[in-house]
Protein backbone atom coordinates (compact mmCIF):
# COMPACT_ATOMS: atom_id res chain seq x y z
CA MET A 1 167.72 82.95 53.59
CA GLU A 2 167.41 79.22 54.00
CA LYS A 3 169.67 76.68 52.49
CA LEU A 4 166.86 74.49 50.35
CA THR A 5 166.86 70.45 49.91
CA ILE A 6 164.81 69.60 47.50
CA ILE A 7 164.29 65.47 47.88
CA GLY A 8 162.95 63.89 44.76
CA CYS A 9 163.13 65.86 41.58
CA GLY A 10 159.62 64.43 39.51
CA THR A 11 157.03 66.35 38.05
CA MET A 12 156.52 68.34 41.90
CA GLY A 13 159.93 68.54 43.26
CA HIS A 14 162.00 70.30 40.10
CA SER A 15 158.71 72.61 39.90
CA ILE A 16 159.47 73.58 43.94
CA ALA A 17 163.12 73.72 42.68
CA LEU A 18 162.16 76.08 40.30
CA CYS A 19 159.95 78.35 41.85
CA ALA A 20 162.57 78.82 44.68
CA ALA A 21 165.21 80.02 42.30
CA TRP A 22 163.41 82.28 40.25
CA ARG A 23 163.61 84.11 43.77
CA GLY A 24 166.57 84.08 43.89
CA ILE A 25 166.90 81.32 46.57
CA TYR A 26 169.94 77.78 45.59
CA VAL A 27 168.74 74.87 45.42
CA LYS A 28 170.50 71.37 45.89
CA MET A 29 168.31 68.92 44.85
CA PHE A 30 167.98 65.24 45.02
CA GLY A 31 167.22 62.56 42.31
CA THR A 32 167.63 58.71 42.71
CA ASP A 33 170.00 58.33 39.51
CA HIS A 34 171.72 60.52 36.40
CA ALA A 35 168.14 59.73 34.00
CA ASP A 36 165.84 61.18 37.15
CA ARG A 37 168.23 64.59 37.39
CA GLU A 38 168.17 64.35 33.38
CA ARG A 39 164.57 64.40 32.82
CA ALA A 40 164.35 67.29 35.33
CA GLU A 41 166.81 69.38 34.01
CA CYS A 42 165.39 69.18 31.10
CA GLY A 43 161.47 69.80 32.67
CA ILE A 44 163.38 73.02 34.24
CA ILE A 45 164.43 74.15 31.14
CA ARG A 46 161.43 73.68 29.28
CA LYS A 47 159.46 75.70 32.33
CA LEU A 48 162.46 78.90 31.84
CA GLU A 49 162.21 78.14 28.04
CA THR A 50 157.94 79.35 28.30
CA LEU A 51 158.48 82.40 31.08
CA SER A 52 160.81 83.55 29.36
CA GLN A 53 158.61 83.06 26.12
CA ASN A 54 155.78 84.92 28.05
CA GLY A 55 157.86 87.68 29.27
CA LEU A 56 158.33 86.76 33.38
CA LEU A 57 162.22 86.33 32.51
CA LYS A 58 164.71 89.27 31.62
CA MET A 59 166.84 88.59 28.61
CA GLY A 60 169.80 85.74 30.52
CA GLU A 61 167.52 85.95 33.72
CA SER A 62 167.23 82.29 32.35
CA GLU A 63 170.83 81.19 31.95
CA GLN A 64 170.77 82.67 36.21
CA VAL A 65 167.63 81.01 37.73
CA LYS A 66 169.00 77.59 35.91
CA ASN A 67 172.32 78.05 37.56
CA ARG A 68 170.36 78.73 41.12
CA ILE A 69 169.53 74.98 40.82
CA VAL A 70 172.76 71.99 41.81
CA ALA A 71 170.88 68.73 40.78
CA THR A 72 172.98 65.64 42.59
CA THR A 73 172.14 61.70 42.83
CA SER A 74 173.29 61.74 46.53
CA ILE A 75 171.52 62.04 49.25
CA ASP A 76 173.90 63.52 51.43
CA GLU A 77 175.52 65.94 49.50
CA ALA A 78 172.20 66.93 48.82
CA VAL A 79 171.13 68.58 52.13
CA GLY A 80 174.69 68.51 54.02
CA GLU A 81 174.79 72.26 54.69
CA SER A 82 170.57 72.77 54.28
CA SER A 83 168.52 74.48 56.55
CA PHE A 84 165.31 73.38 55.21
CA ILE A 85 164.65 70.27 53.34
CA ILE A 86 161.50 69.83 50.67
CA GLU A 87 160.83 65.74 50.31
CA THR A 88 158.62 65.14 46.83
CA ILE A 89 158.79 61.07 46.49
CA PRO A 90 156.06 59.48 46.35
CA GLU A 91 152.78 59.64 48.53
CA LYS A 92 153.13 55.88 49.98
CA LEU A 93 153.34 56.99 53.92
CA ASP A 94 156.01 54.00 54.14
CA LEU A 95 158.47 55.37 52.35
CA LYS A 96 157.61 59.03 53.53
CA LYS A 97 158.34 57.51 57.00
CA GLU A 98 161.50 55.74 56.34
CA LEU A 99 163.31 59.15 55.05
CA PHE A 100 162.22 61.09 57.62
CA ARG A 101 164.19 58.44 59.54
CA HIS A 102 167.11 58.81 57.52
CA LEU A 103 166.93 62.91 57.85
CA ASP A 104 166.57 62.88 61.49
CA ASN A 105 169.32 60.73 62.31
CA ILE A 106 171.78 63.36 59.79
CA CYS A 107 170.23 66.66 59.97
CA ALA A 108 171.16 69.16 62.68
CA VAL A 109 168.37 69.42 64.80
CA ASP A 110 167.79 72.48 63.58
CA VAL A 111 166.89 71.88 60.03
CA ILE A 112 163.22 71.35 59.08
CA LEU A 113 162.20 68.89 57.77
CA ALA A 114 159.16 68.94 55.27
CA SER A 115 156.88 66.99 52.92
CA ASN A 116 154.71 68.26 50.15
CA THR A 117 152.30 65.15 51.13
CA SER A 118 148.61 66.25 49.37
CA GLY A 119 146.98 64.51 52.34
CA LEU A 120 148.50 62.03 54.89
CA SER A 121 149.39 62.40 57.70
CA PRO A 122 152.12 65.14 58.86
CA SER A 123 151.79 63.60 62.92
CA ALA A 124 152.43 59.72 61.29
CA ILE A 125 155.58 60.97 58.87
CA ALA A 126 156.87 62.99 62.35
CA SER A 127 156.08 59.62 64.60
CA VAL A 128 159.36 57.61 63.62
CA THR A 129 161.44 60.91 64.16
CA ALA A 130 163.23 62.30 67.71
CA VAL A 131 162.23 66.15 67.11
CA PRO A 132 158.95 66.13 65.35
CA GLU A 133 158.67 69.69 66.54
CA ARG A 134 160.34 70.38 63.49
CA VAL A 135 157.96 67.95 60.83
CA VAL A 136 155.79 70.09 59.08
CA VAL A 137 153.81 69.62 55.77
CA THR A 138 154.52 72.58 52.90
CA HIS A 139 151.69 71.37 49.91
CA PHE A 140 152.78 73.08 47.01
CA TRP A 141 149.97 72.60 43.60
CA ASN A 142 151.09 71.38 40.44
CA PRO A 143 151.95 73.28 38.69
CA ALA A 144 154.08 74.20 41.73
CA HIS A 145 155.78 77.29 39.72
CA LEU A 146 152.49 78.43 39.10
CA ILE A 147 149.69 77.28 41.24
CA PRO A 148 150.55 80.35 44.48
CA LEU A 149 148.78 77.91 47.24
CA VAL A 150 151.54 76.26 49.36
CA GLU A 151 149.59 74.70 52.86
CA VAL A 152 151.03 74.71 55.89
CA VAL A 153 149.85 71.88 57.59
CA ARG A 154 150.94 71.35 61.49
CA GLY A 155 151.10 67.40 62.68
CA GLU A 156 150.45 66.93 66.96
CA LYS A 157 153.98 67.98 67.89
CA THR A 158 154.63 71.03 64.79
CA SER A 159 156.49 73.75 66.63
CA ASP A 160 155.32 77.15 66.32
CA GLY A 161 158.76 78.17 65.21
CA THR A 162 158.48 75.93 62.17
CA VAL A 163 154.99 76.91 61.16
CA LYS A 164 156.73 80.26 61.31
CA ARG A 165 160.02 79.42 58.72
CA ALA A 166 158.08 77.74 56.54
CA LEU A 167 155.67 80.97 56.12
CA ALA A 168 158.83 82.95 55.99
CA LEU A 169 160.93 80.74 53.58
CA LEU A 170 157.32 80.17 51.32
CA GLU A 171 156.93 84.66 50.78
CA VAL A 172 159.92 84.88 49.54
CA MET A 173 158.82 82.46 46.86
CA LYS A 174 156.47 84.59 46.06
CA LYS A 175 153.92 81.82 47.68
CA LYS A 176 150.06 81.97 48.88
CA PRO A 177 150.86 79.65 52.59
CA ILE A 178 147.88 79.27 53.98
CA GLU A 179 148.16 77.66 57.40
CA VAL A 180 146.20 74.74 58.68
CA ARG A 181 145.68 74.57 62.16
CA LYS A 182 144.09 71.54 62.31
CA GLU A 183 145.22 68.40 61.45
CA MET A 184 143.08 66.38 59.12
CA PRO A 185 142.53 64.00 56.12
CA GLY A 186 143.17 65.98 52.75
CA PHE A 187 144.11 69.26 54.82
CA VAL A 188 141.69 72.00 53.00
CA ALA A 189 142.22 72.80 49.63
CA ASN A 190 142.02 68.40 48.17
CA ARG A 191 139.14 68.09 51.06
CA LEU A 192 137.00 71.25 48.93
CA GLN A 193 138.08 69.48 45.48
CA PHE A 194 136.99 66.80 46.16
CA ALA A 195 133.91 67.47 47.31
CA LEU A 196 133.08 68.44 43.58
CA PHE A 197 134.36 66.00 41.99
CA ARG A 198 132.27 63.20 44.40
CA GLU A 199 129.04 65.93 42.72
CA ALA A 200 130.52 66.21 39.84
CA GLN A 201 130.68 62.00 39.84
CA PHE A 202 126.95 61.50 41.17
CA LEU A 203 125.64 63.80 38.59
CA LEU A 204 127.13 61.73 35.52
CA GLU A 205 126.24 58.48 37.59
CA GLU A 206 122.34 59.77 37.68
CA GLY A 207 122.63 61.03 33.81
CA VAL A 208 121.58 64.03 35.31
CA ALA A 209 124.17 65.81 32.70
CA SER A 210 127.22 64.53 30.18
CA LYS A 211 130.45 64.79 31.29
CA GLU A 212 131.29 67.43 29.02
CA ASP A 213 128.60 69.98 30.21
CA ILE A 214 128.92 68.93 34.13
CA ASP A 215 132.37 70.46 33.14
CA ALA A 216 131.47 73.40 31.23
CA ALA A 217 128.88 74.08 34.05
CA VAL A 218 131.92 74.66 36.73
CA ILE A 219 134.50 76.21 33.75
CA TYR A 220 132.20 79.22 32.36
CA SER A 221 130.61 79.44 36.38
CA ILE A 222 131.62 79.00 39.63
CA GLY A 223 134.95 77.95 38.36
CA ARG A 224 135.90 82.44 36.98
CA ARG A 225 134.26 83.38 40.52
CA LEU A 226 135.40 81.42 43.19
CA SER A 227 138.62 82.73 41.42
CA VAL A 228 137.77 86.00 42.46
CA THR A 229 135.94 85.16 45.65
CA GLY A 230 136.22 82.58 47.23
CA PRO A 231 132.92 80.17 49.22
CA PHE A 232 132.61 82.69 52.08
CA VAL A 233 132.68 85.98 50.26
CA SER A 234 130.72 84.10 46.98
CA ALA A 235 127.63 83.95 50.60
CA ASP A 236 128.03 87.06 51.41
CA MET A 237 128.06 88.99 48.24
CA GLY A 238 124.72 86.26 47.41
CA GLY A 239 123.31 86.88 51.03
CA LEU A 240 123.59 85.02 53.34
CA ASP A 241 120.17 84.65 53.99
CA VAL A 242 119.76 82.69 50.62
CA PHE A 243 122.87 80.47 50.96
CA ALA A 244 121.20 79.59 54.25
CA SER A 245 118.36 78.22 52.50
CA ILE A 246 119.29 77.21 49.75
CA SER A 247 121.99 74.72 52.06
CA ASP A 248 118.78 73.90 54.37
CA TYR A 249 117.07 72.24 51.08
CA LEU A 250 119.49 70.47 49.10
CA PHE A 251 122.22 69.66 51.27
CA ALA A 252 119.99 66.61 52.47
CA SER A 253 120.09 65.53 48.67
CA LEU A 254 123.77 66.12 47.85
CA CYS A 255 126.08 62.61 47.25
CA LYS A 256 126.80 61.62 50.32
CA ALA A 257 129.37 58.44 48.69
CA GLU A 258 131.78 56.82 50.87
CA SER A 259 134.13 55.52 47.73
CA SER A 260 134.42 56.90 44.08
CA LEU A 261 131.47 55.73 41.93
CA PRO A 262 131.36 53.60 39.71
CA THR A 263 132.30 54.91 36.06
CA LEU A 264 135.50 56.24 38.02
CA LYS A 265 135.85 52.58 39.46
CA ASN A 266 135.17 50.78 35.73
CA LEU A 267 138.25 53.51 34.34
CA VAL A 268 140.72 52.75 36.57
CA GLU A 269 139.59 48.88 36.56
CA ASP A 270 140.56 48.96 32.66
CA ASN A 271 143.21 51.11 32.84
CA LYS A 272 142.22 53.95 31.43
CA LEU A 273 143.88 56.65 33.86
CA GLY A 274 143.15 59.62 31.93
CA SER A 275 146.22 61.77 30.70
CA LYS A 276 148.98 59.31 31.75
CA SER A 277 147.55 56.38 29.17
CA GLY A 278 145.71 58.48 27.07
CA ASN A 279 142.28 57.48 27.84
CA GLY A 280 139.76 58.67 30.75
CA TYR A 281 136.88 60.30 30.75
CA TYR A 282 138.38 62.34 27.98
CA VAL A 283 140.20 60.38 25.26
CA TRP A 284 143.42 61.93 25.03
CA ASP A 285 145.70 61.95 21.47
CA ALA A 286 148.41 64.30 21.58
CA SER A 287 146.53 66.93 20.01
CA PHE A 288 144.47 67.58 22.73
CA SER A 289 146.63 66.71 25.35
CA GLU A 290 149.59 69.15 24.24
CA ALA A 291 146.11 71.74 23.91
CA MET A 292 144.86 71.37 27.40
CA ASN A 293 148.04 71.29 29.64
CA ASN A 294 149.17 74.61 26.95
CA ARG A 295 145.54 76.29 28.25
CA ARG A 296 146.32 75.23 31.02
CA GLU A 297 149.48 77.45 31.39
CA MET A 298 148.40 80.28 29.56
CA GLU A 299 146.06 80.98 31.66
CA LEU A 300 148.10 80.40 34.67
CA ILE A 301 150.44 83.01 33.64
CA ARG A 302 147.66 85.42 32.65
CA PHE A 303 146.41 84.78 36.43
CA TYR A 304 150.39 85.71 37.58
CA LYS A 305 151.14 89.07 35.41
CA GLU A 306 148.02 90.30 36.54
CA THR A 307 148.06 89.39 40.37
CA GLY A 308 151.68 89.22 40.64
CA PHE A 309 150.53 85.30 42.14
């Protein structure tokens, strides 16, 4: 079993650590300071309570999981005995390059260096290392302990052995990894997600429907179906002749914007950033925020109970 270290203990970092510990893996988690580490430990405790309350952990198991995670503010201590490192620091290429340069210098050549980036180039991150063959992306989705998907993305020089070890670790963690064979901005899932988001923005700008009805159109139709079939199985089930005909006449009228549309730009300029600021497309007061977070978490737990993922 890999000896795992998570660099960063924010939203994604502590959730990935929890996911690994839940599956019996001992984890070291690096935080920048005591407050950072304390926030992560509180987040882990809250998530463990929710898992226990919903019957996903047995009596006493919560404490066992928590004890498999050791948090530290010393990066040397965090990576000292590690064989597999996943970084979850902010999405800034220069920061990631600086970290990977340092890790490359202090870690043995057989230690895997993985990034949780959601879209930055693994080749660019690996370019500052002496052993780019051991650099790979393992892109978890939020919340990492409940969303099964992890995208394993090759850089130009990532070795087959590195990918194999990443896939093996993720399977032990009971994730659903996919291999992204060709490096591309946004990888796979974010390209699909933002294709939908671009069209949603366009429909709102054109006054075709309200934001509430556009959301409902996804939630109560394709959102339910795609969770079972995916786009290609859906096309097969609907008939490829039908999907080809629709593609032929519809693609020409789909949104082709190359940047975010005016409403989104205006919201960001007004510092209306969504749930993090209390206002966005919707008003995120305490009751709405709690309701939406609980609803999402309970739905993900329901899926987990039904599928094991």
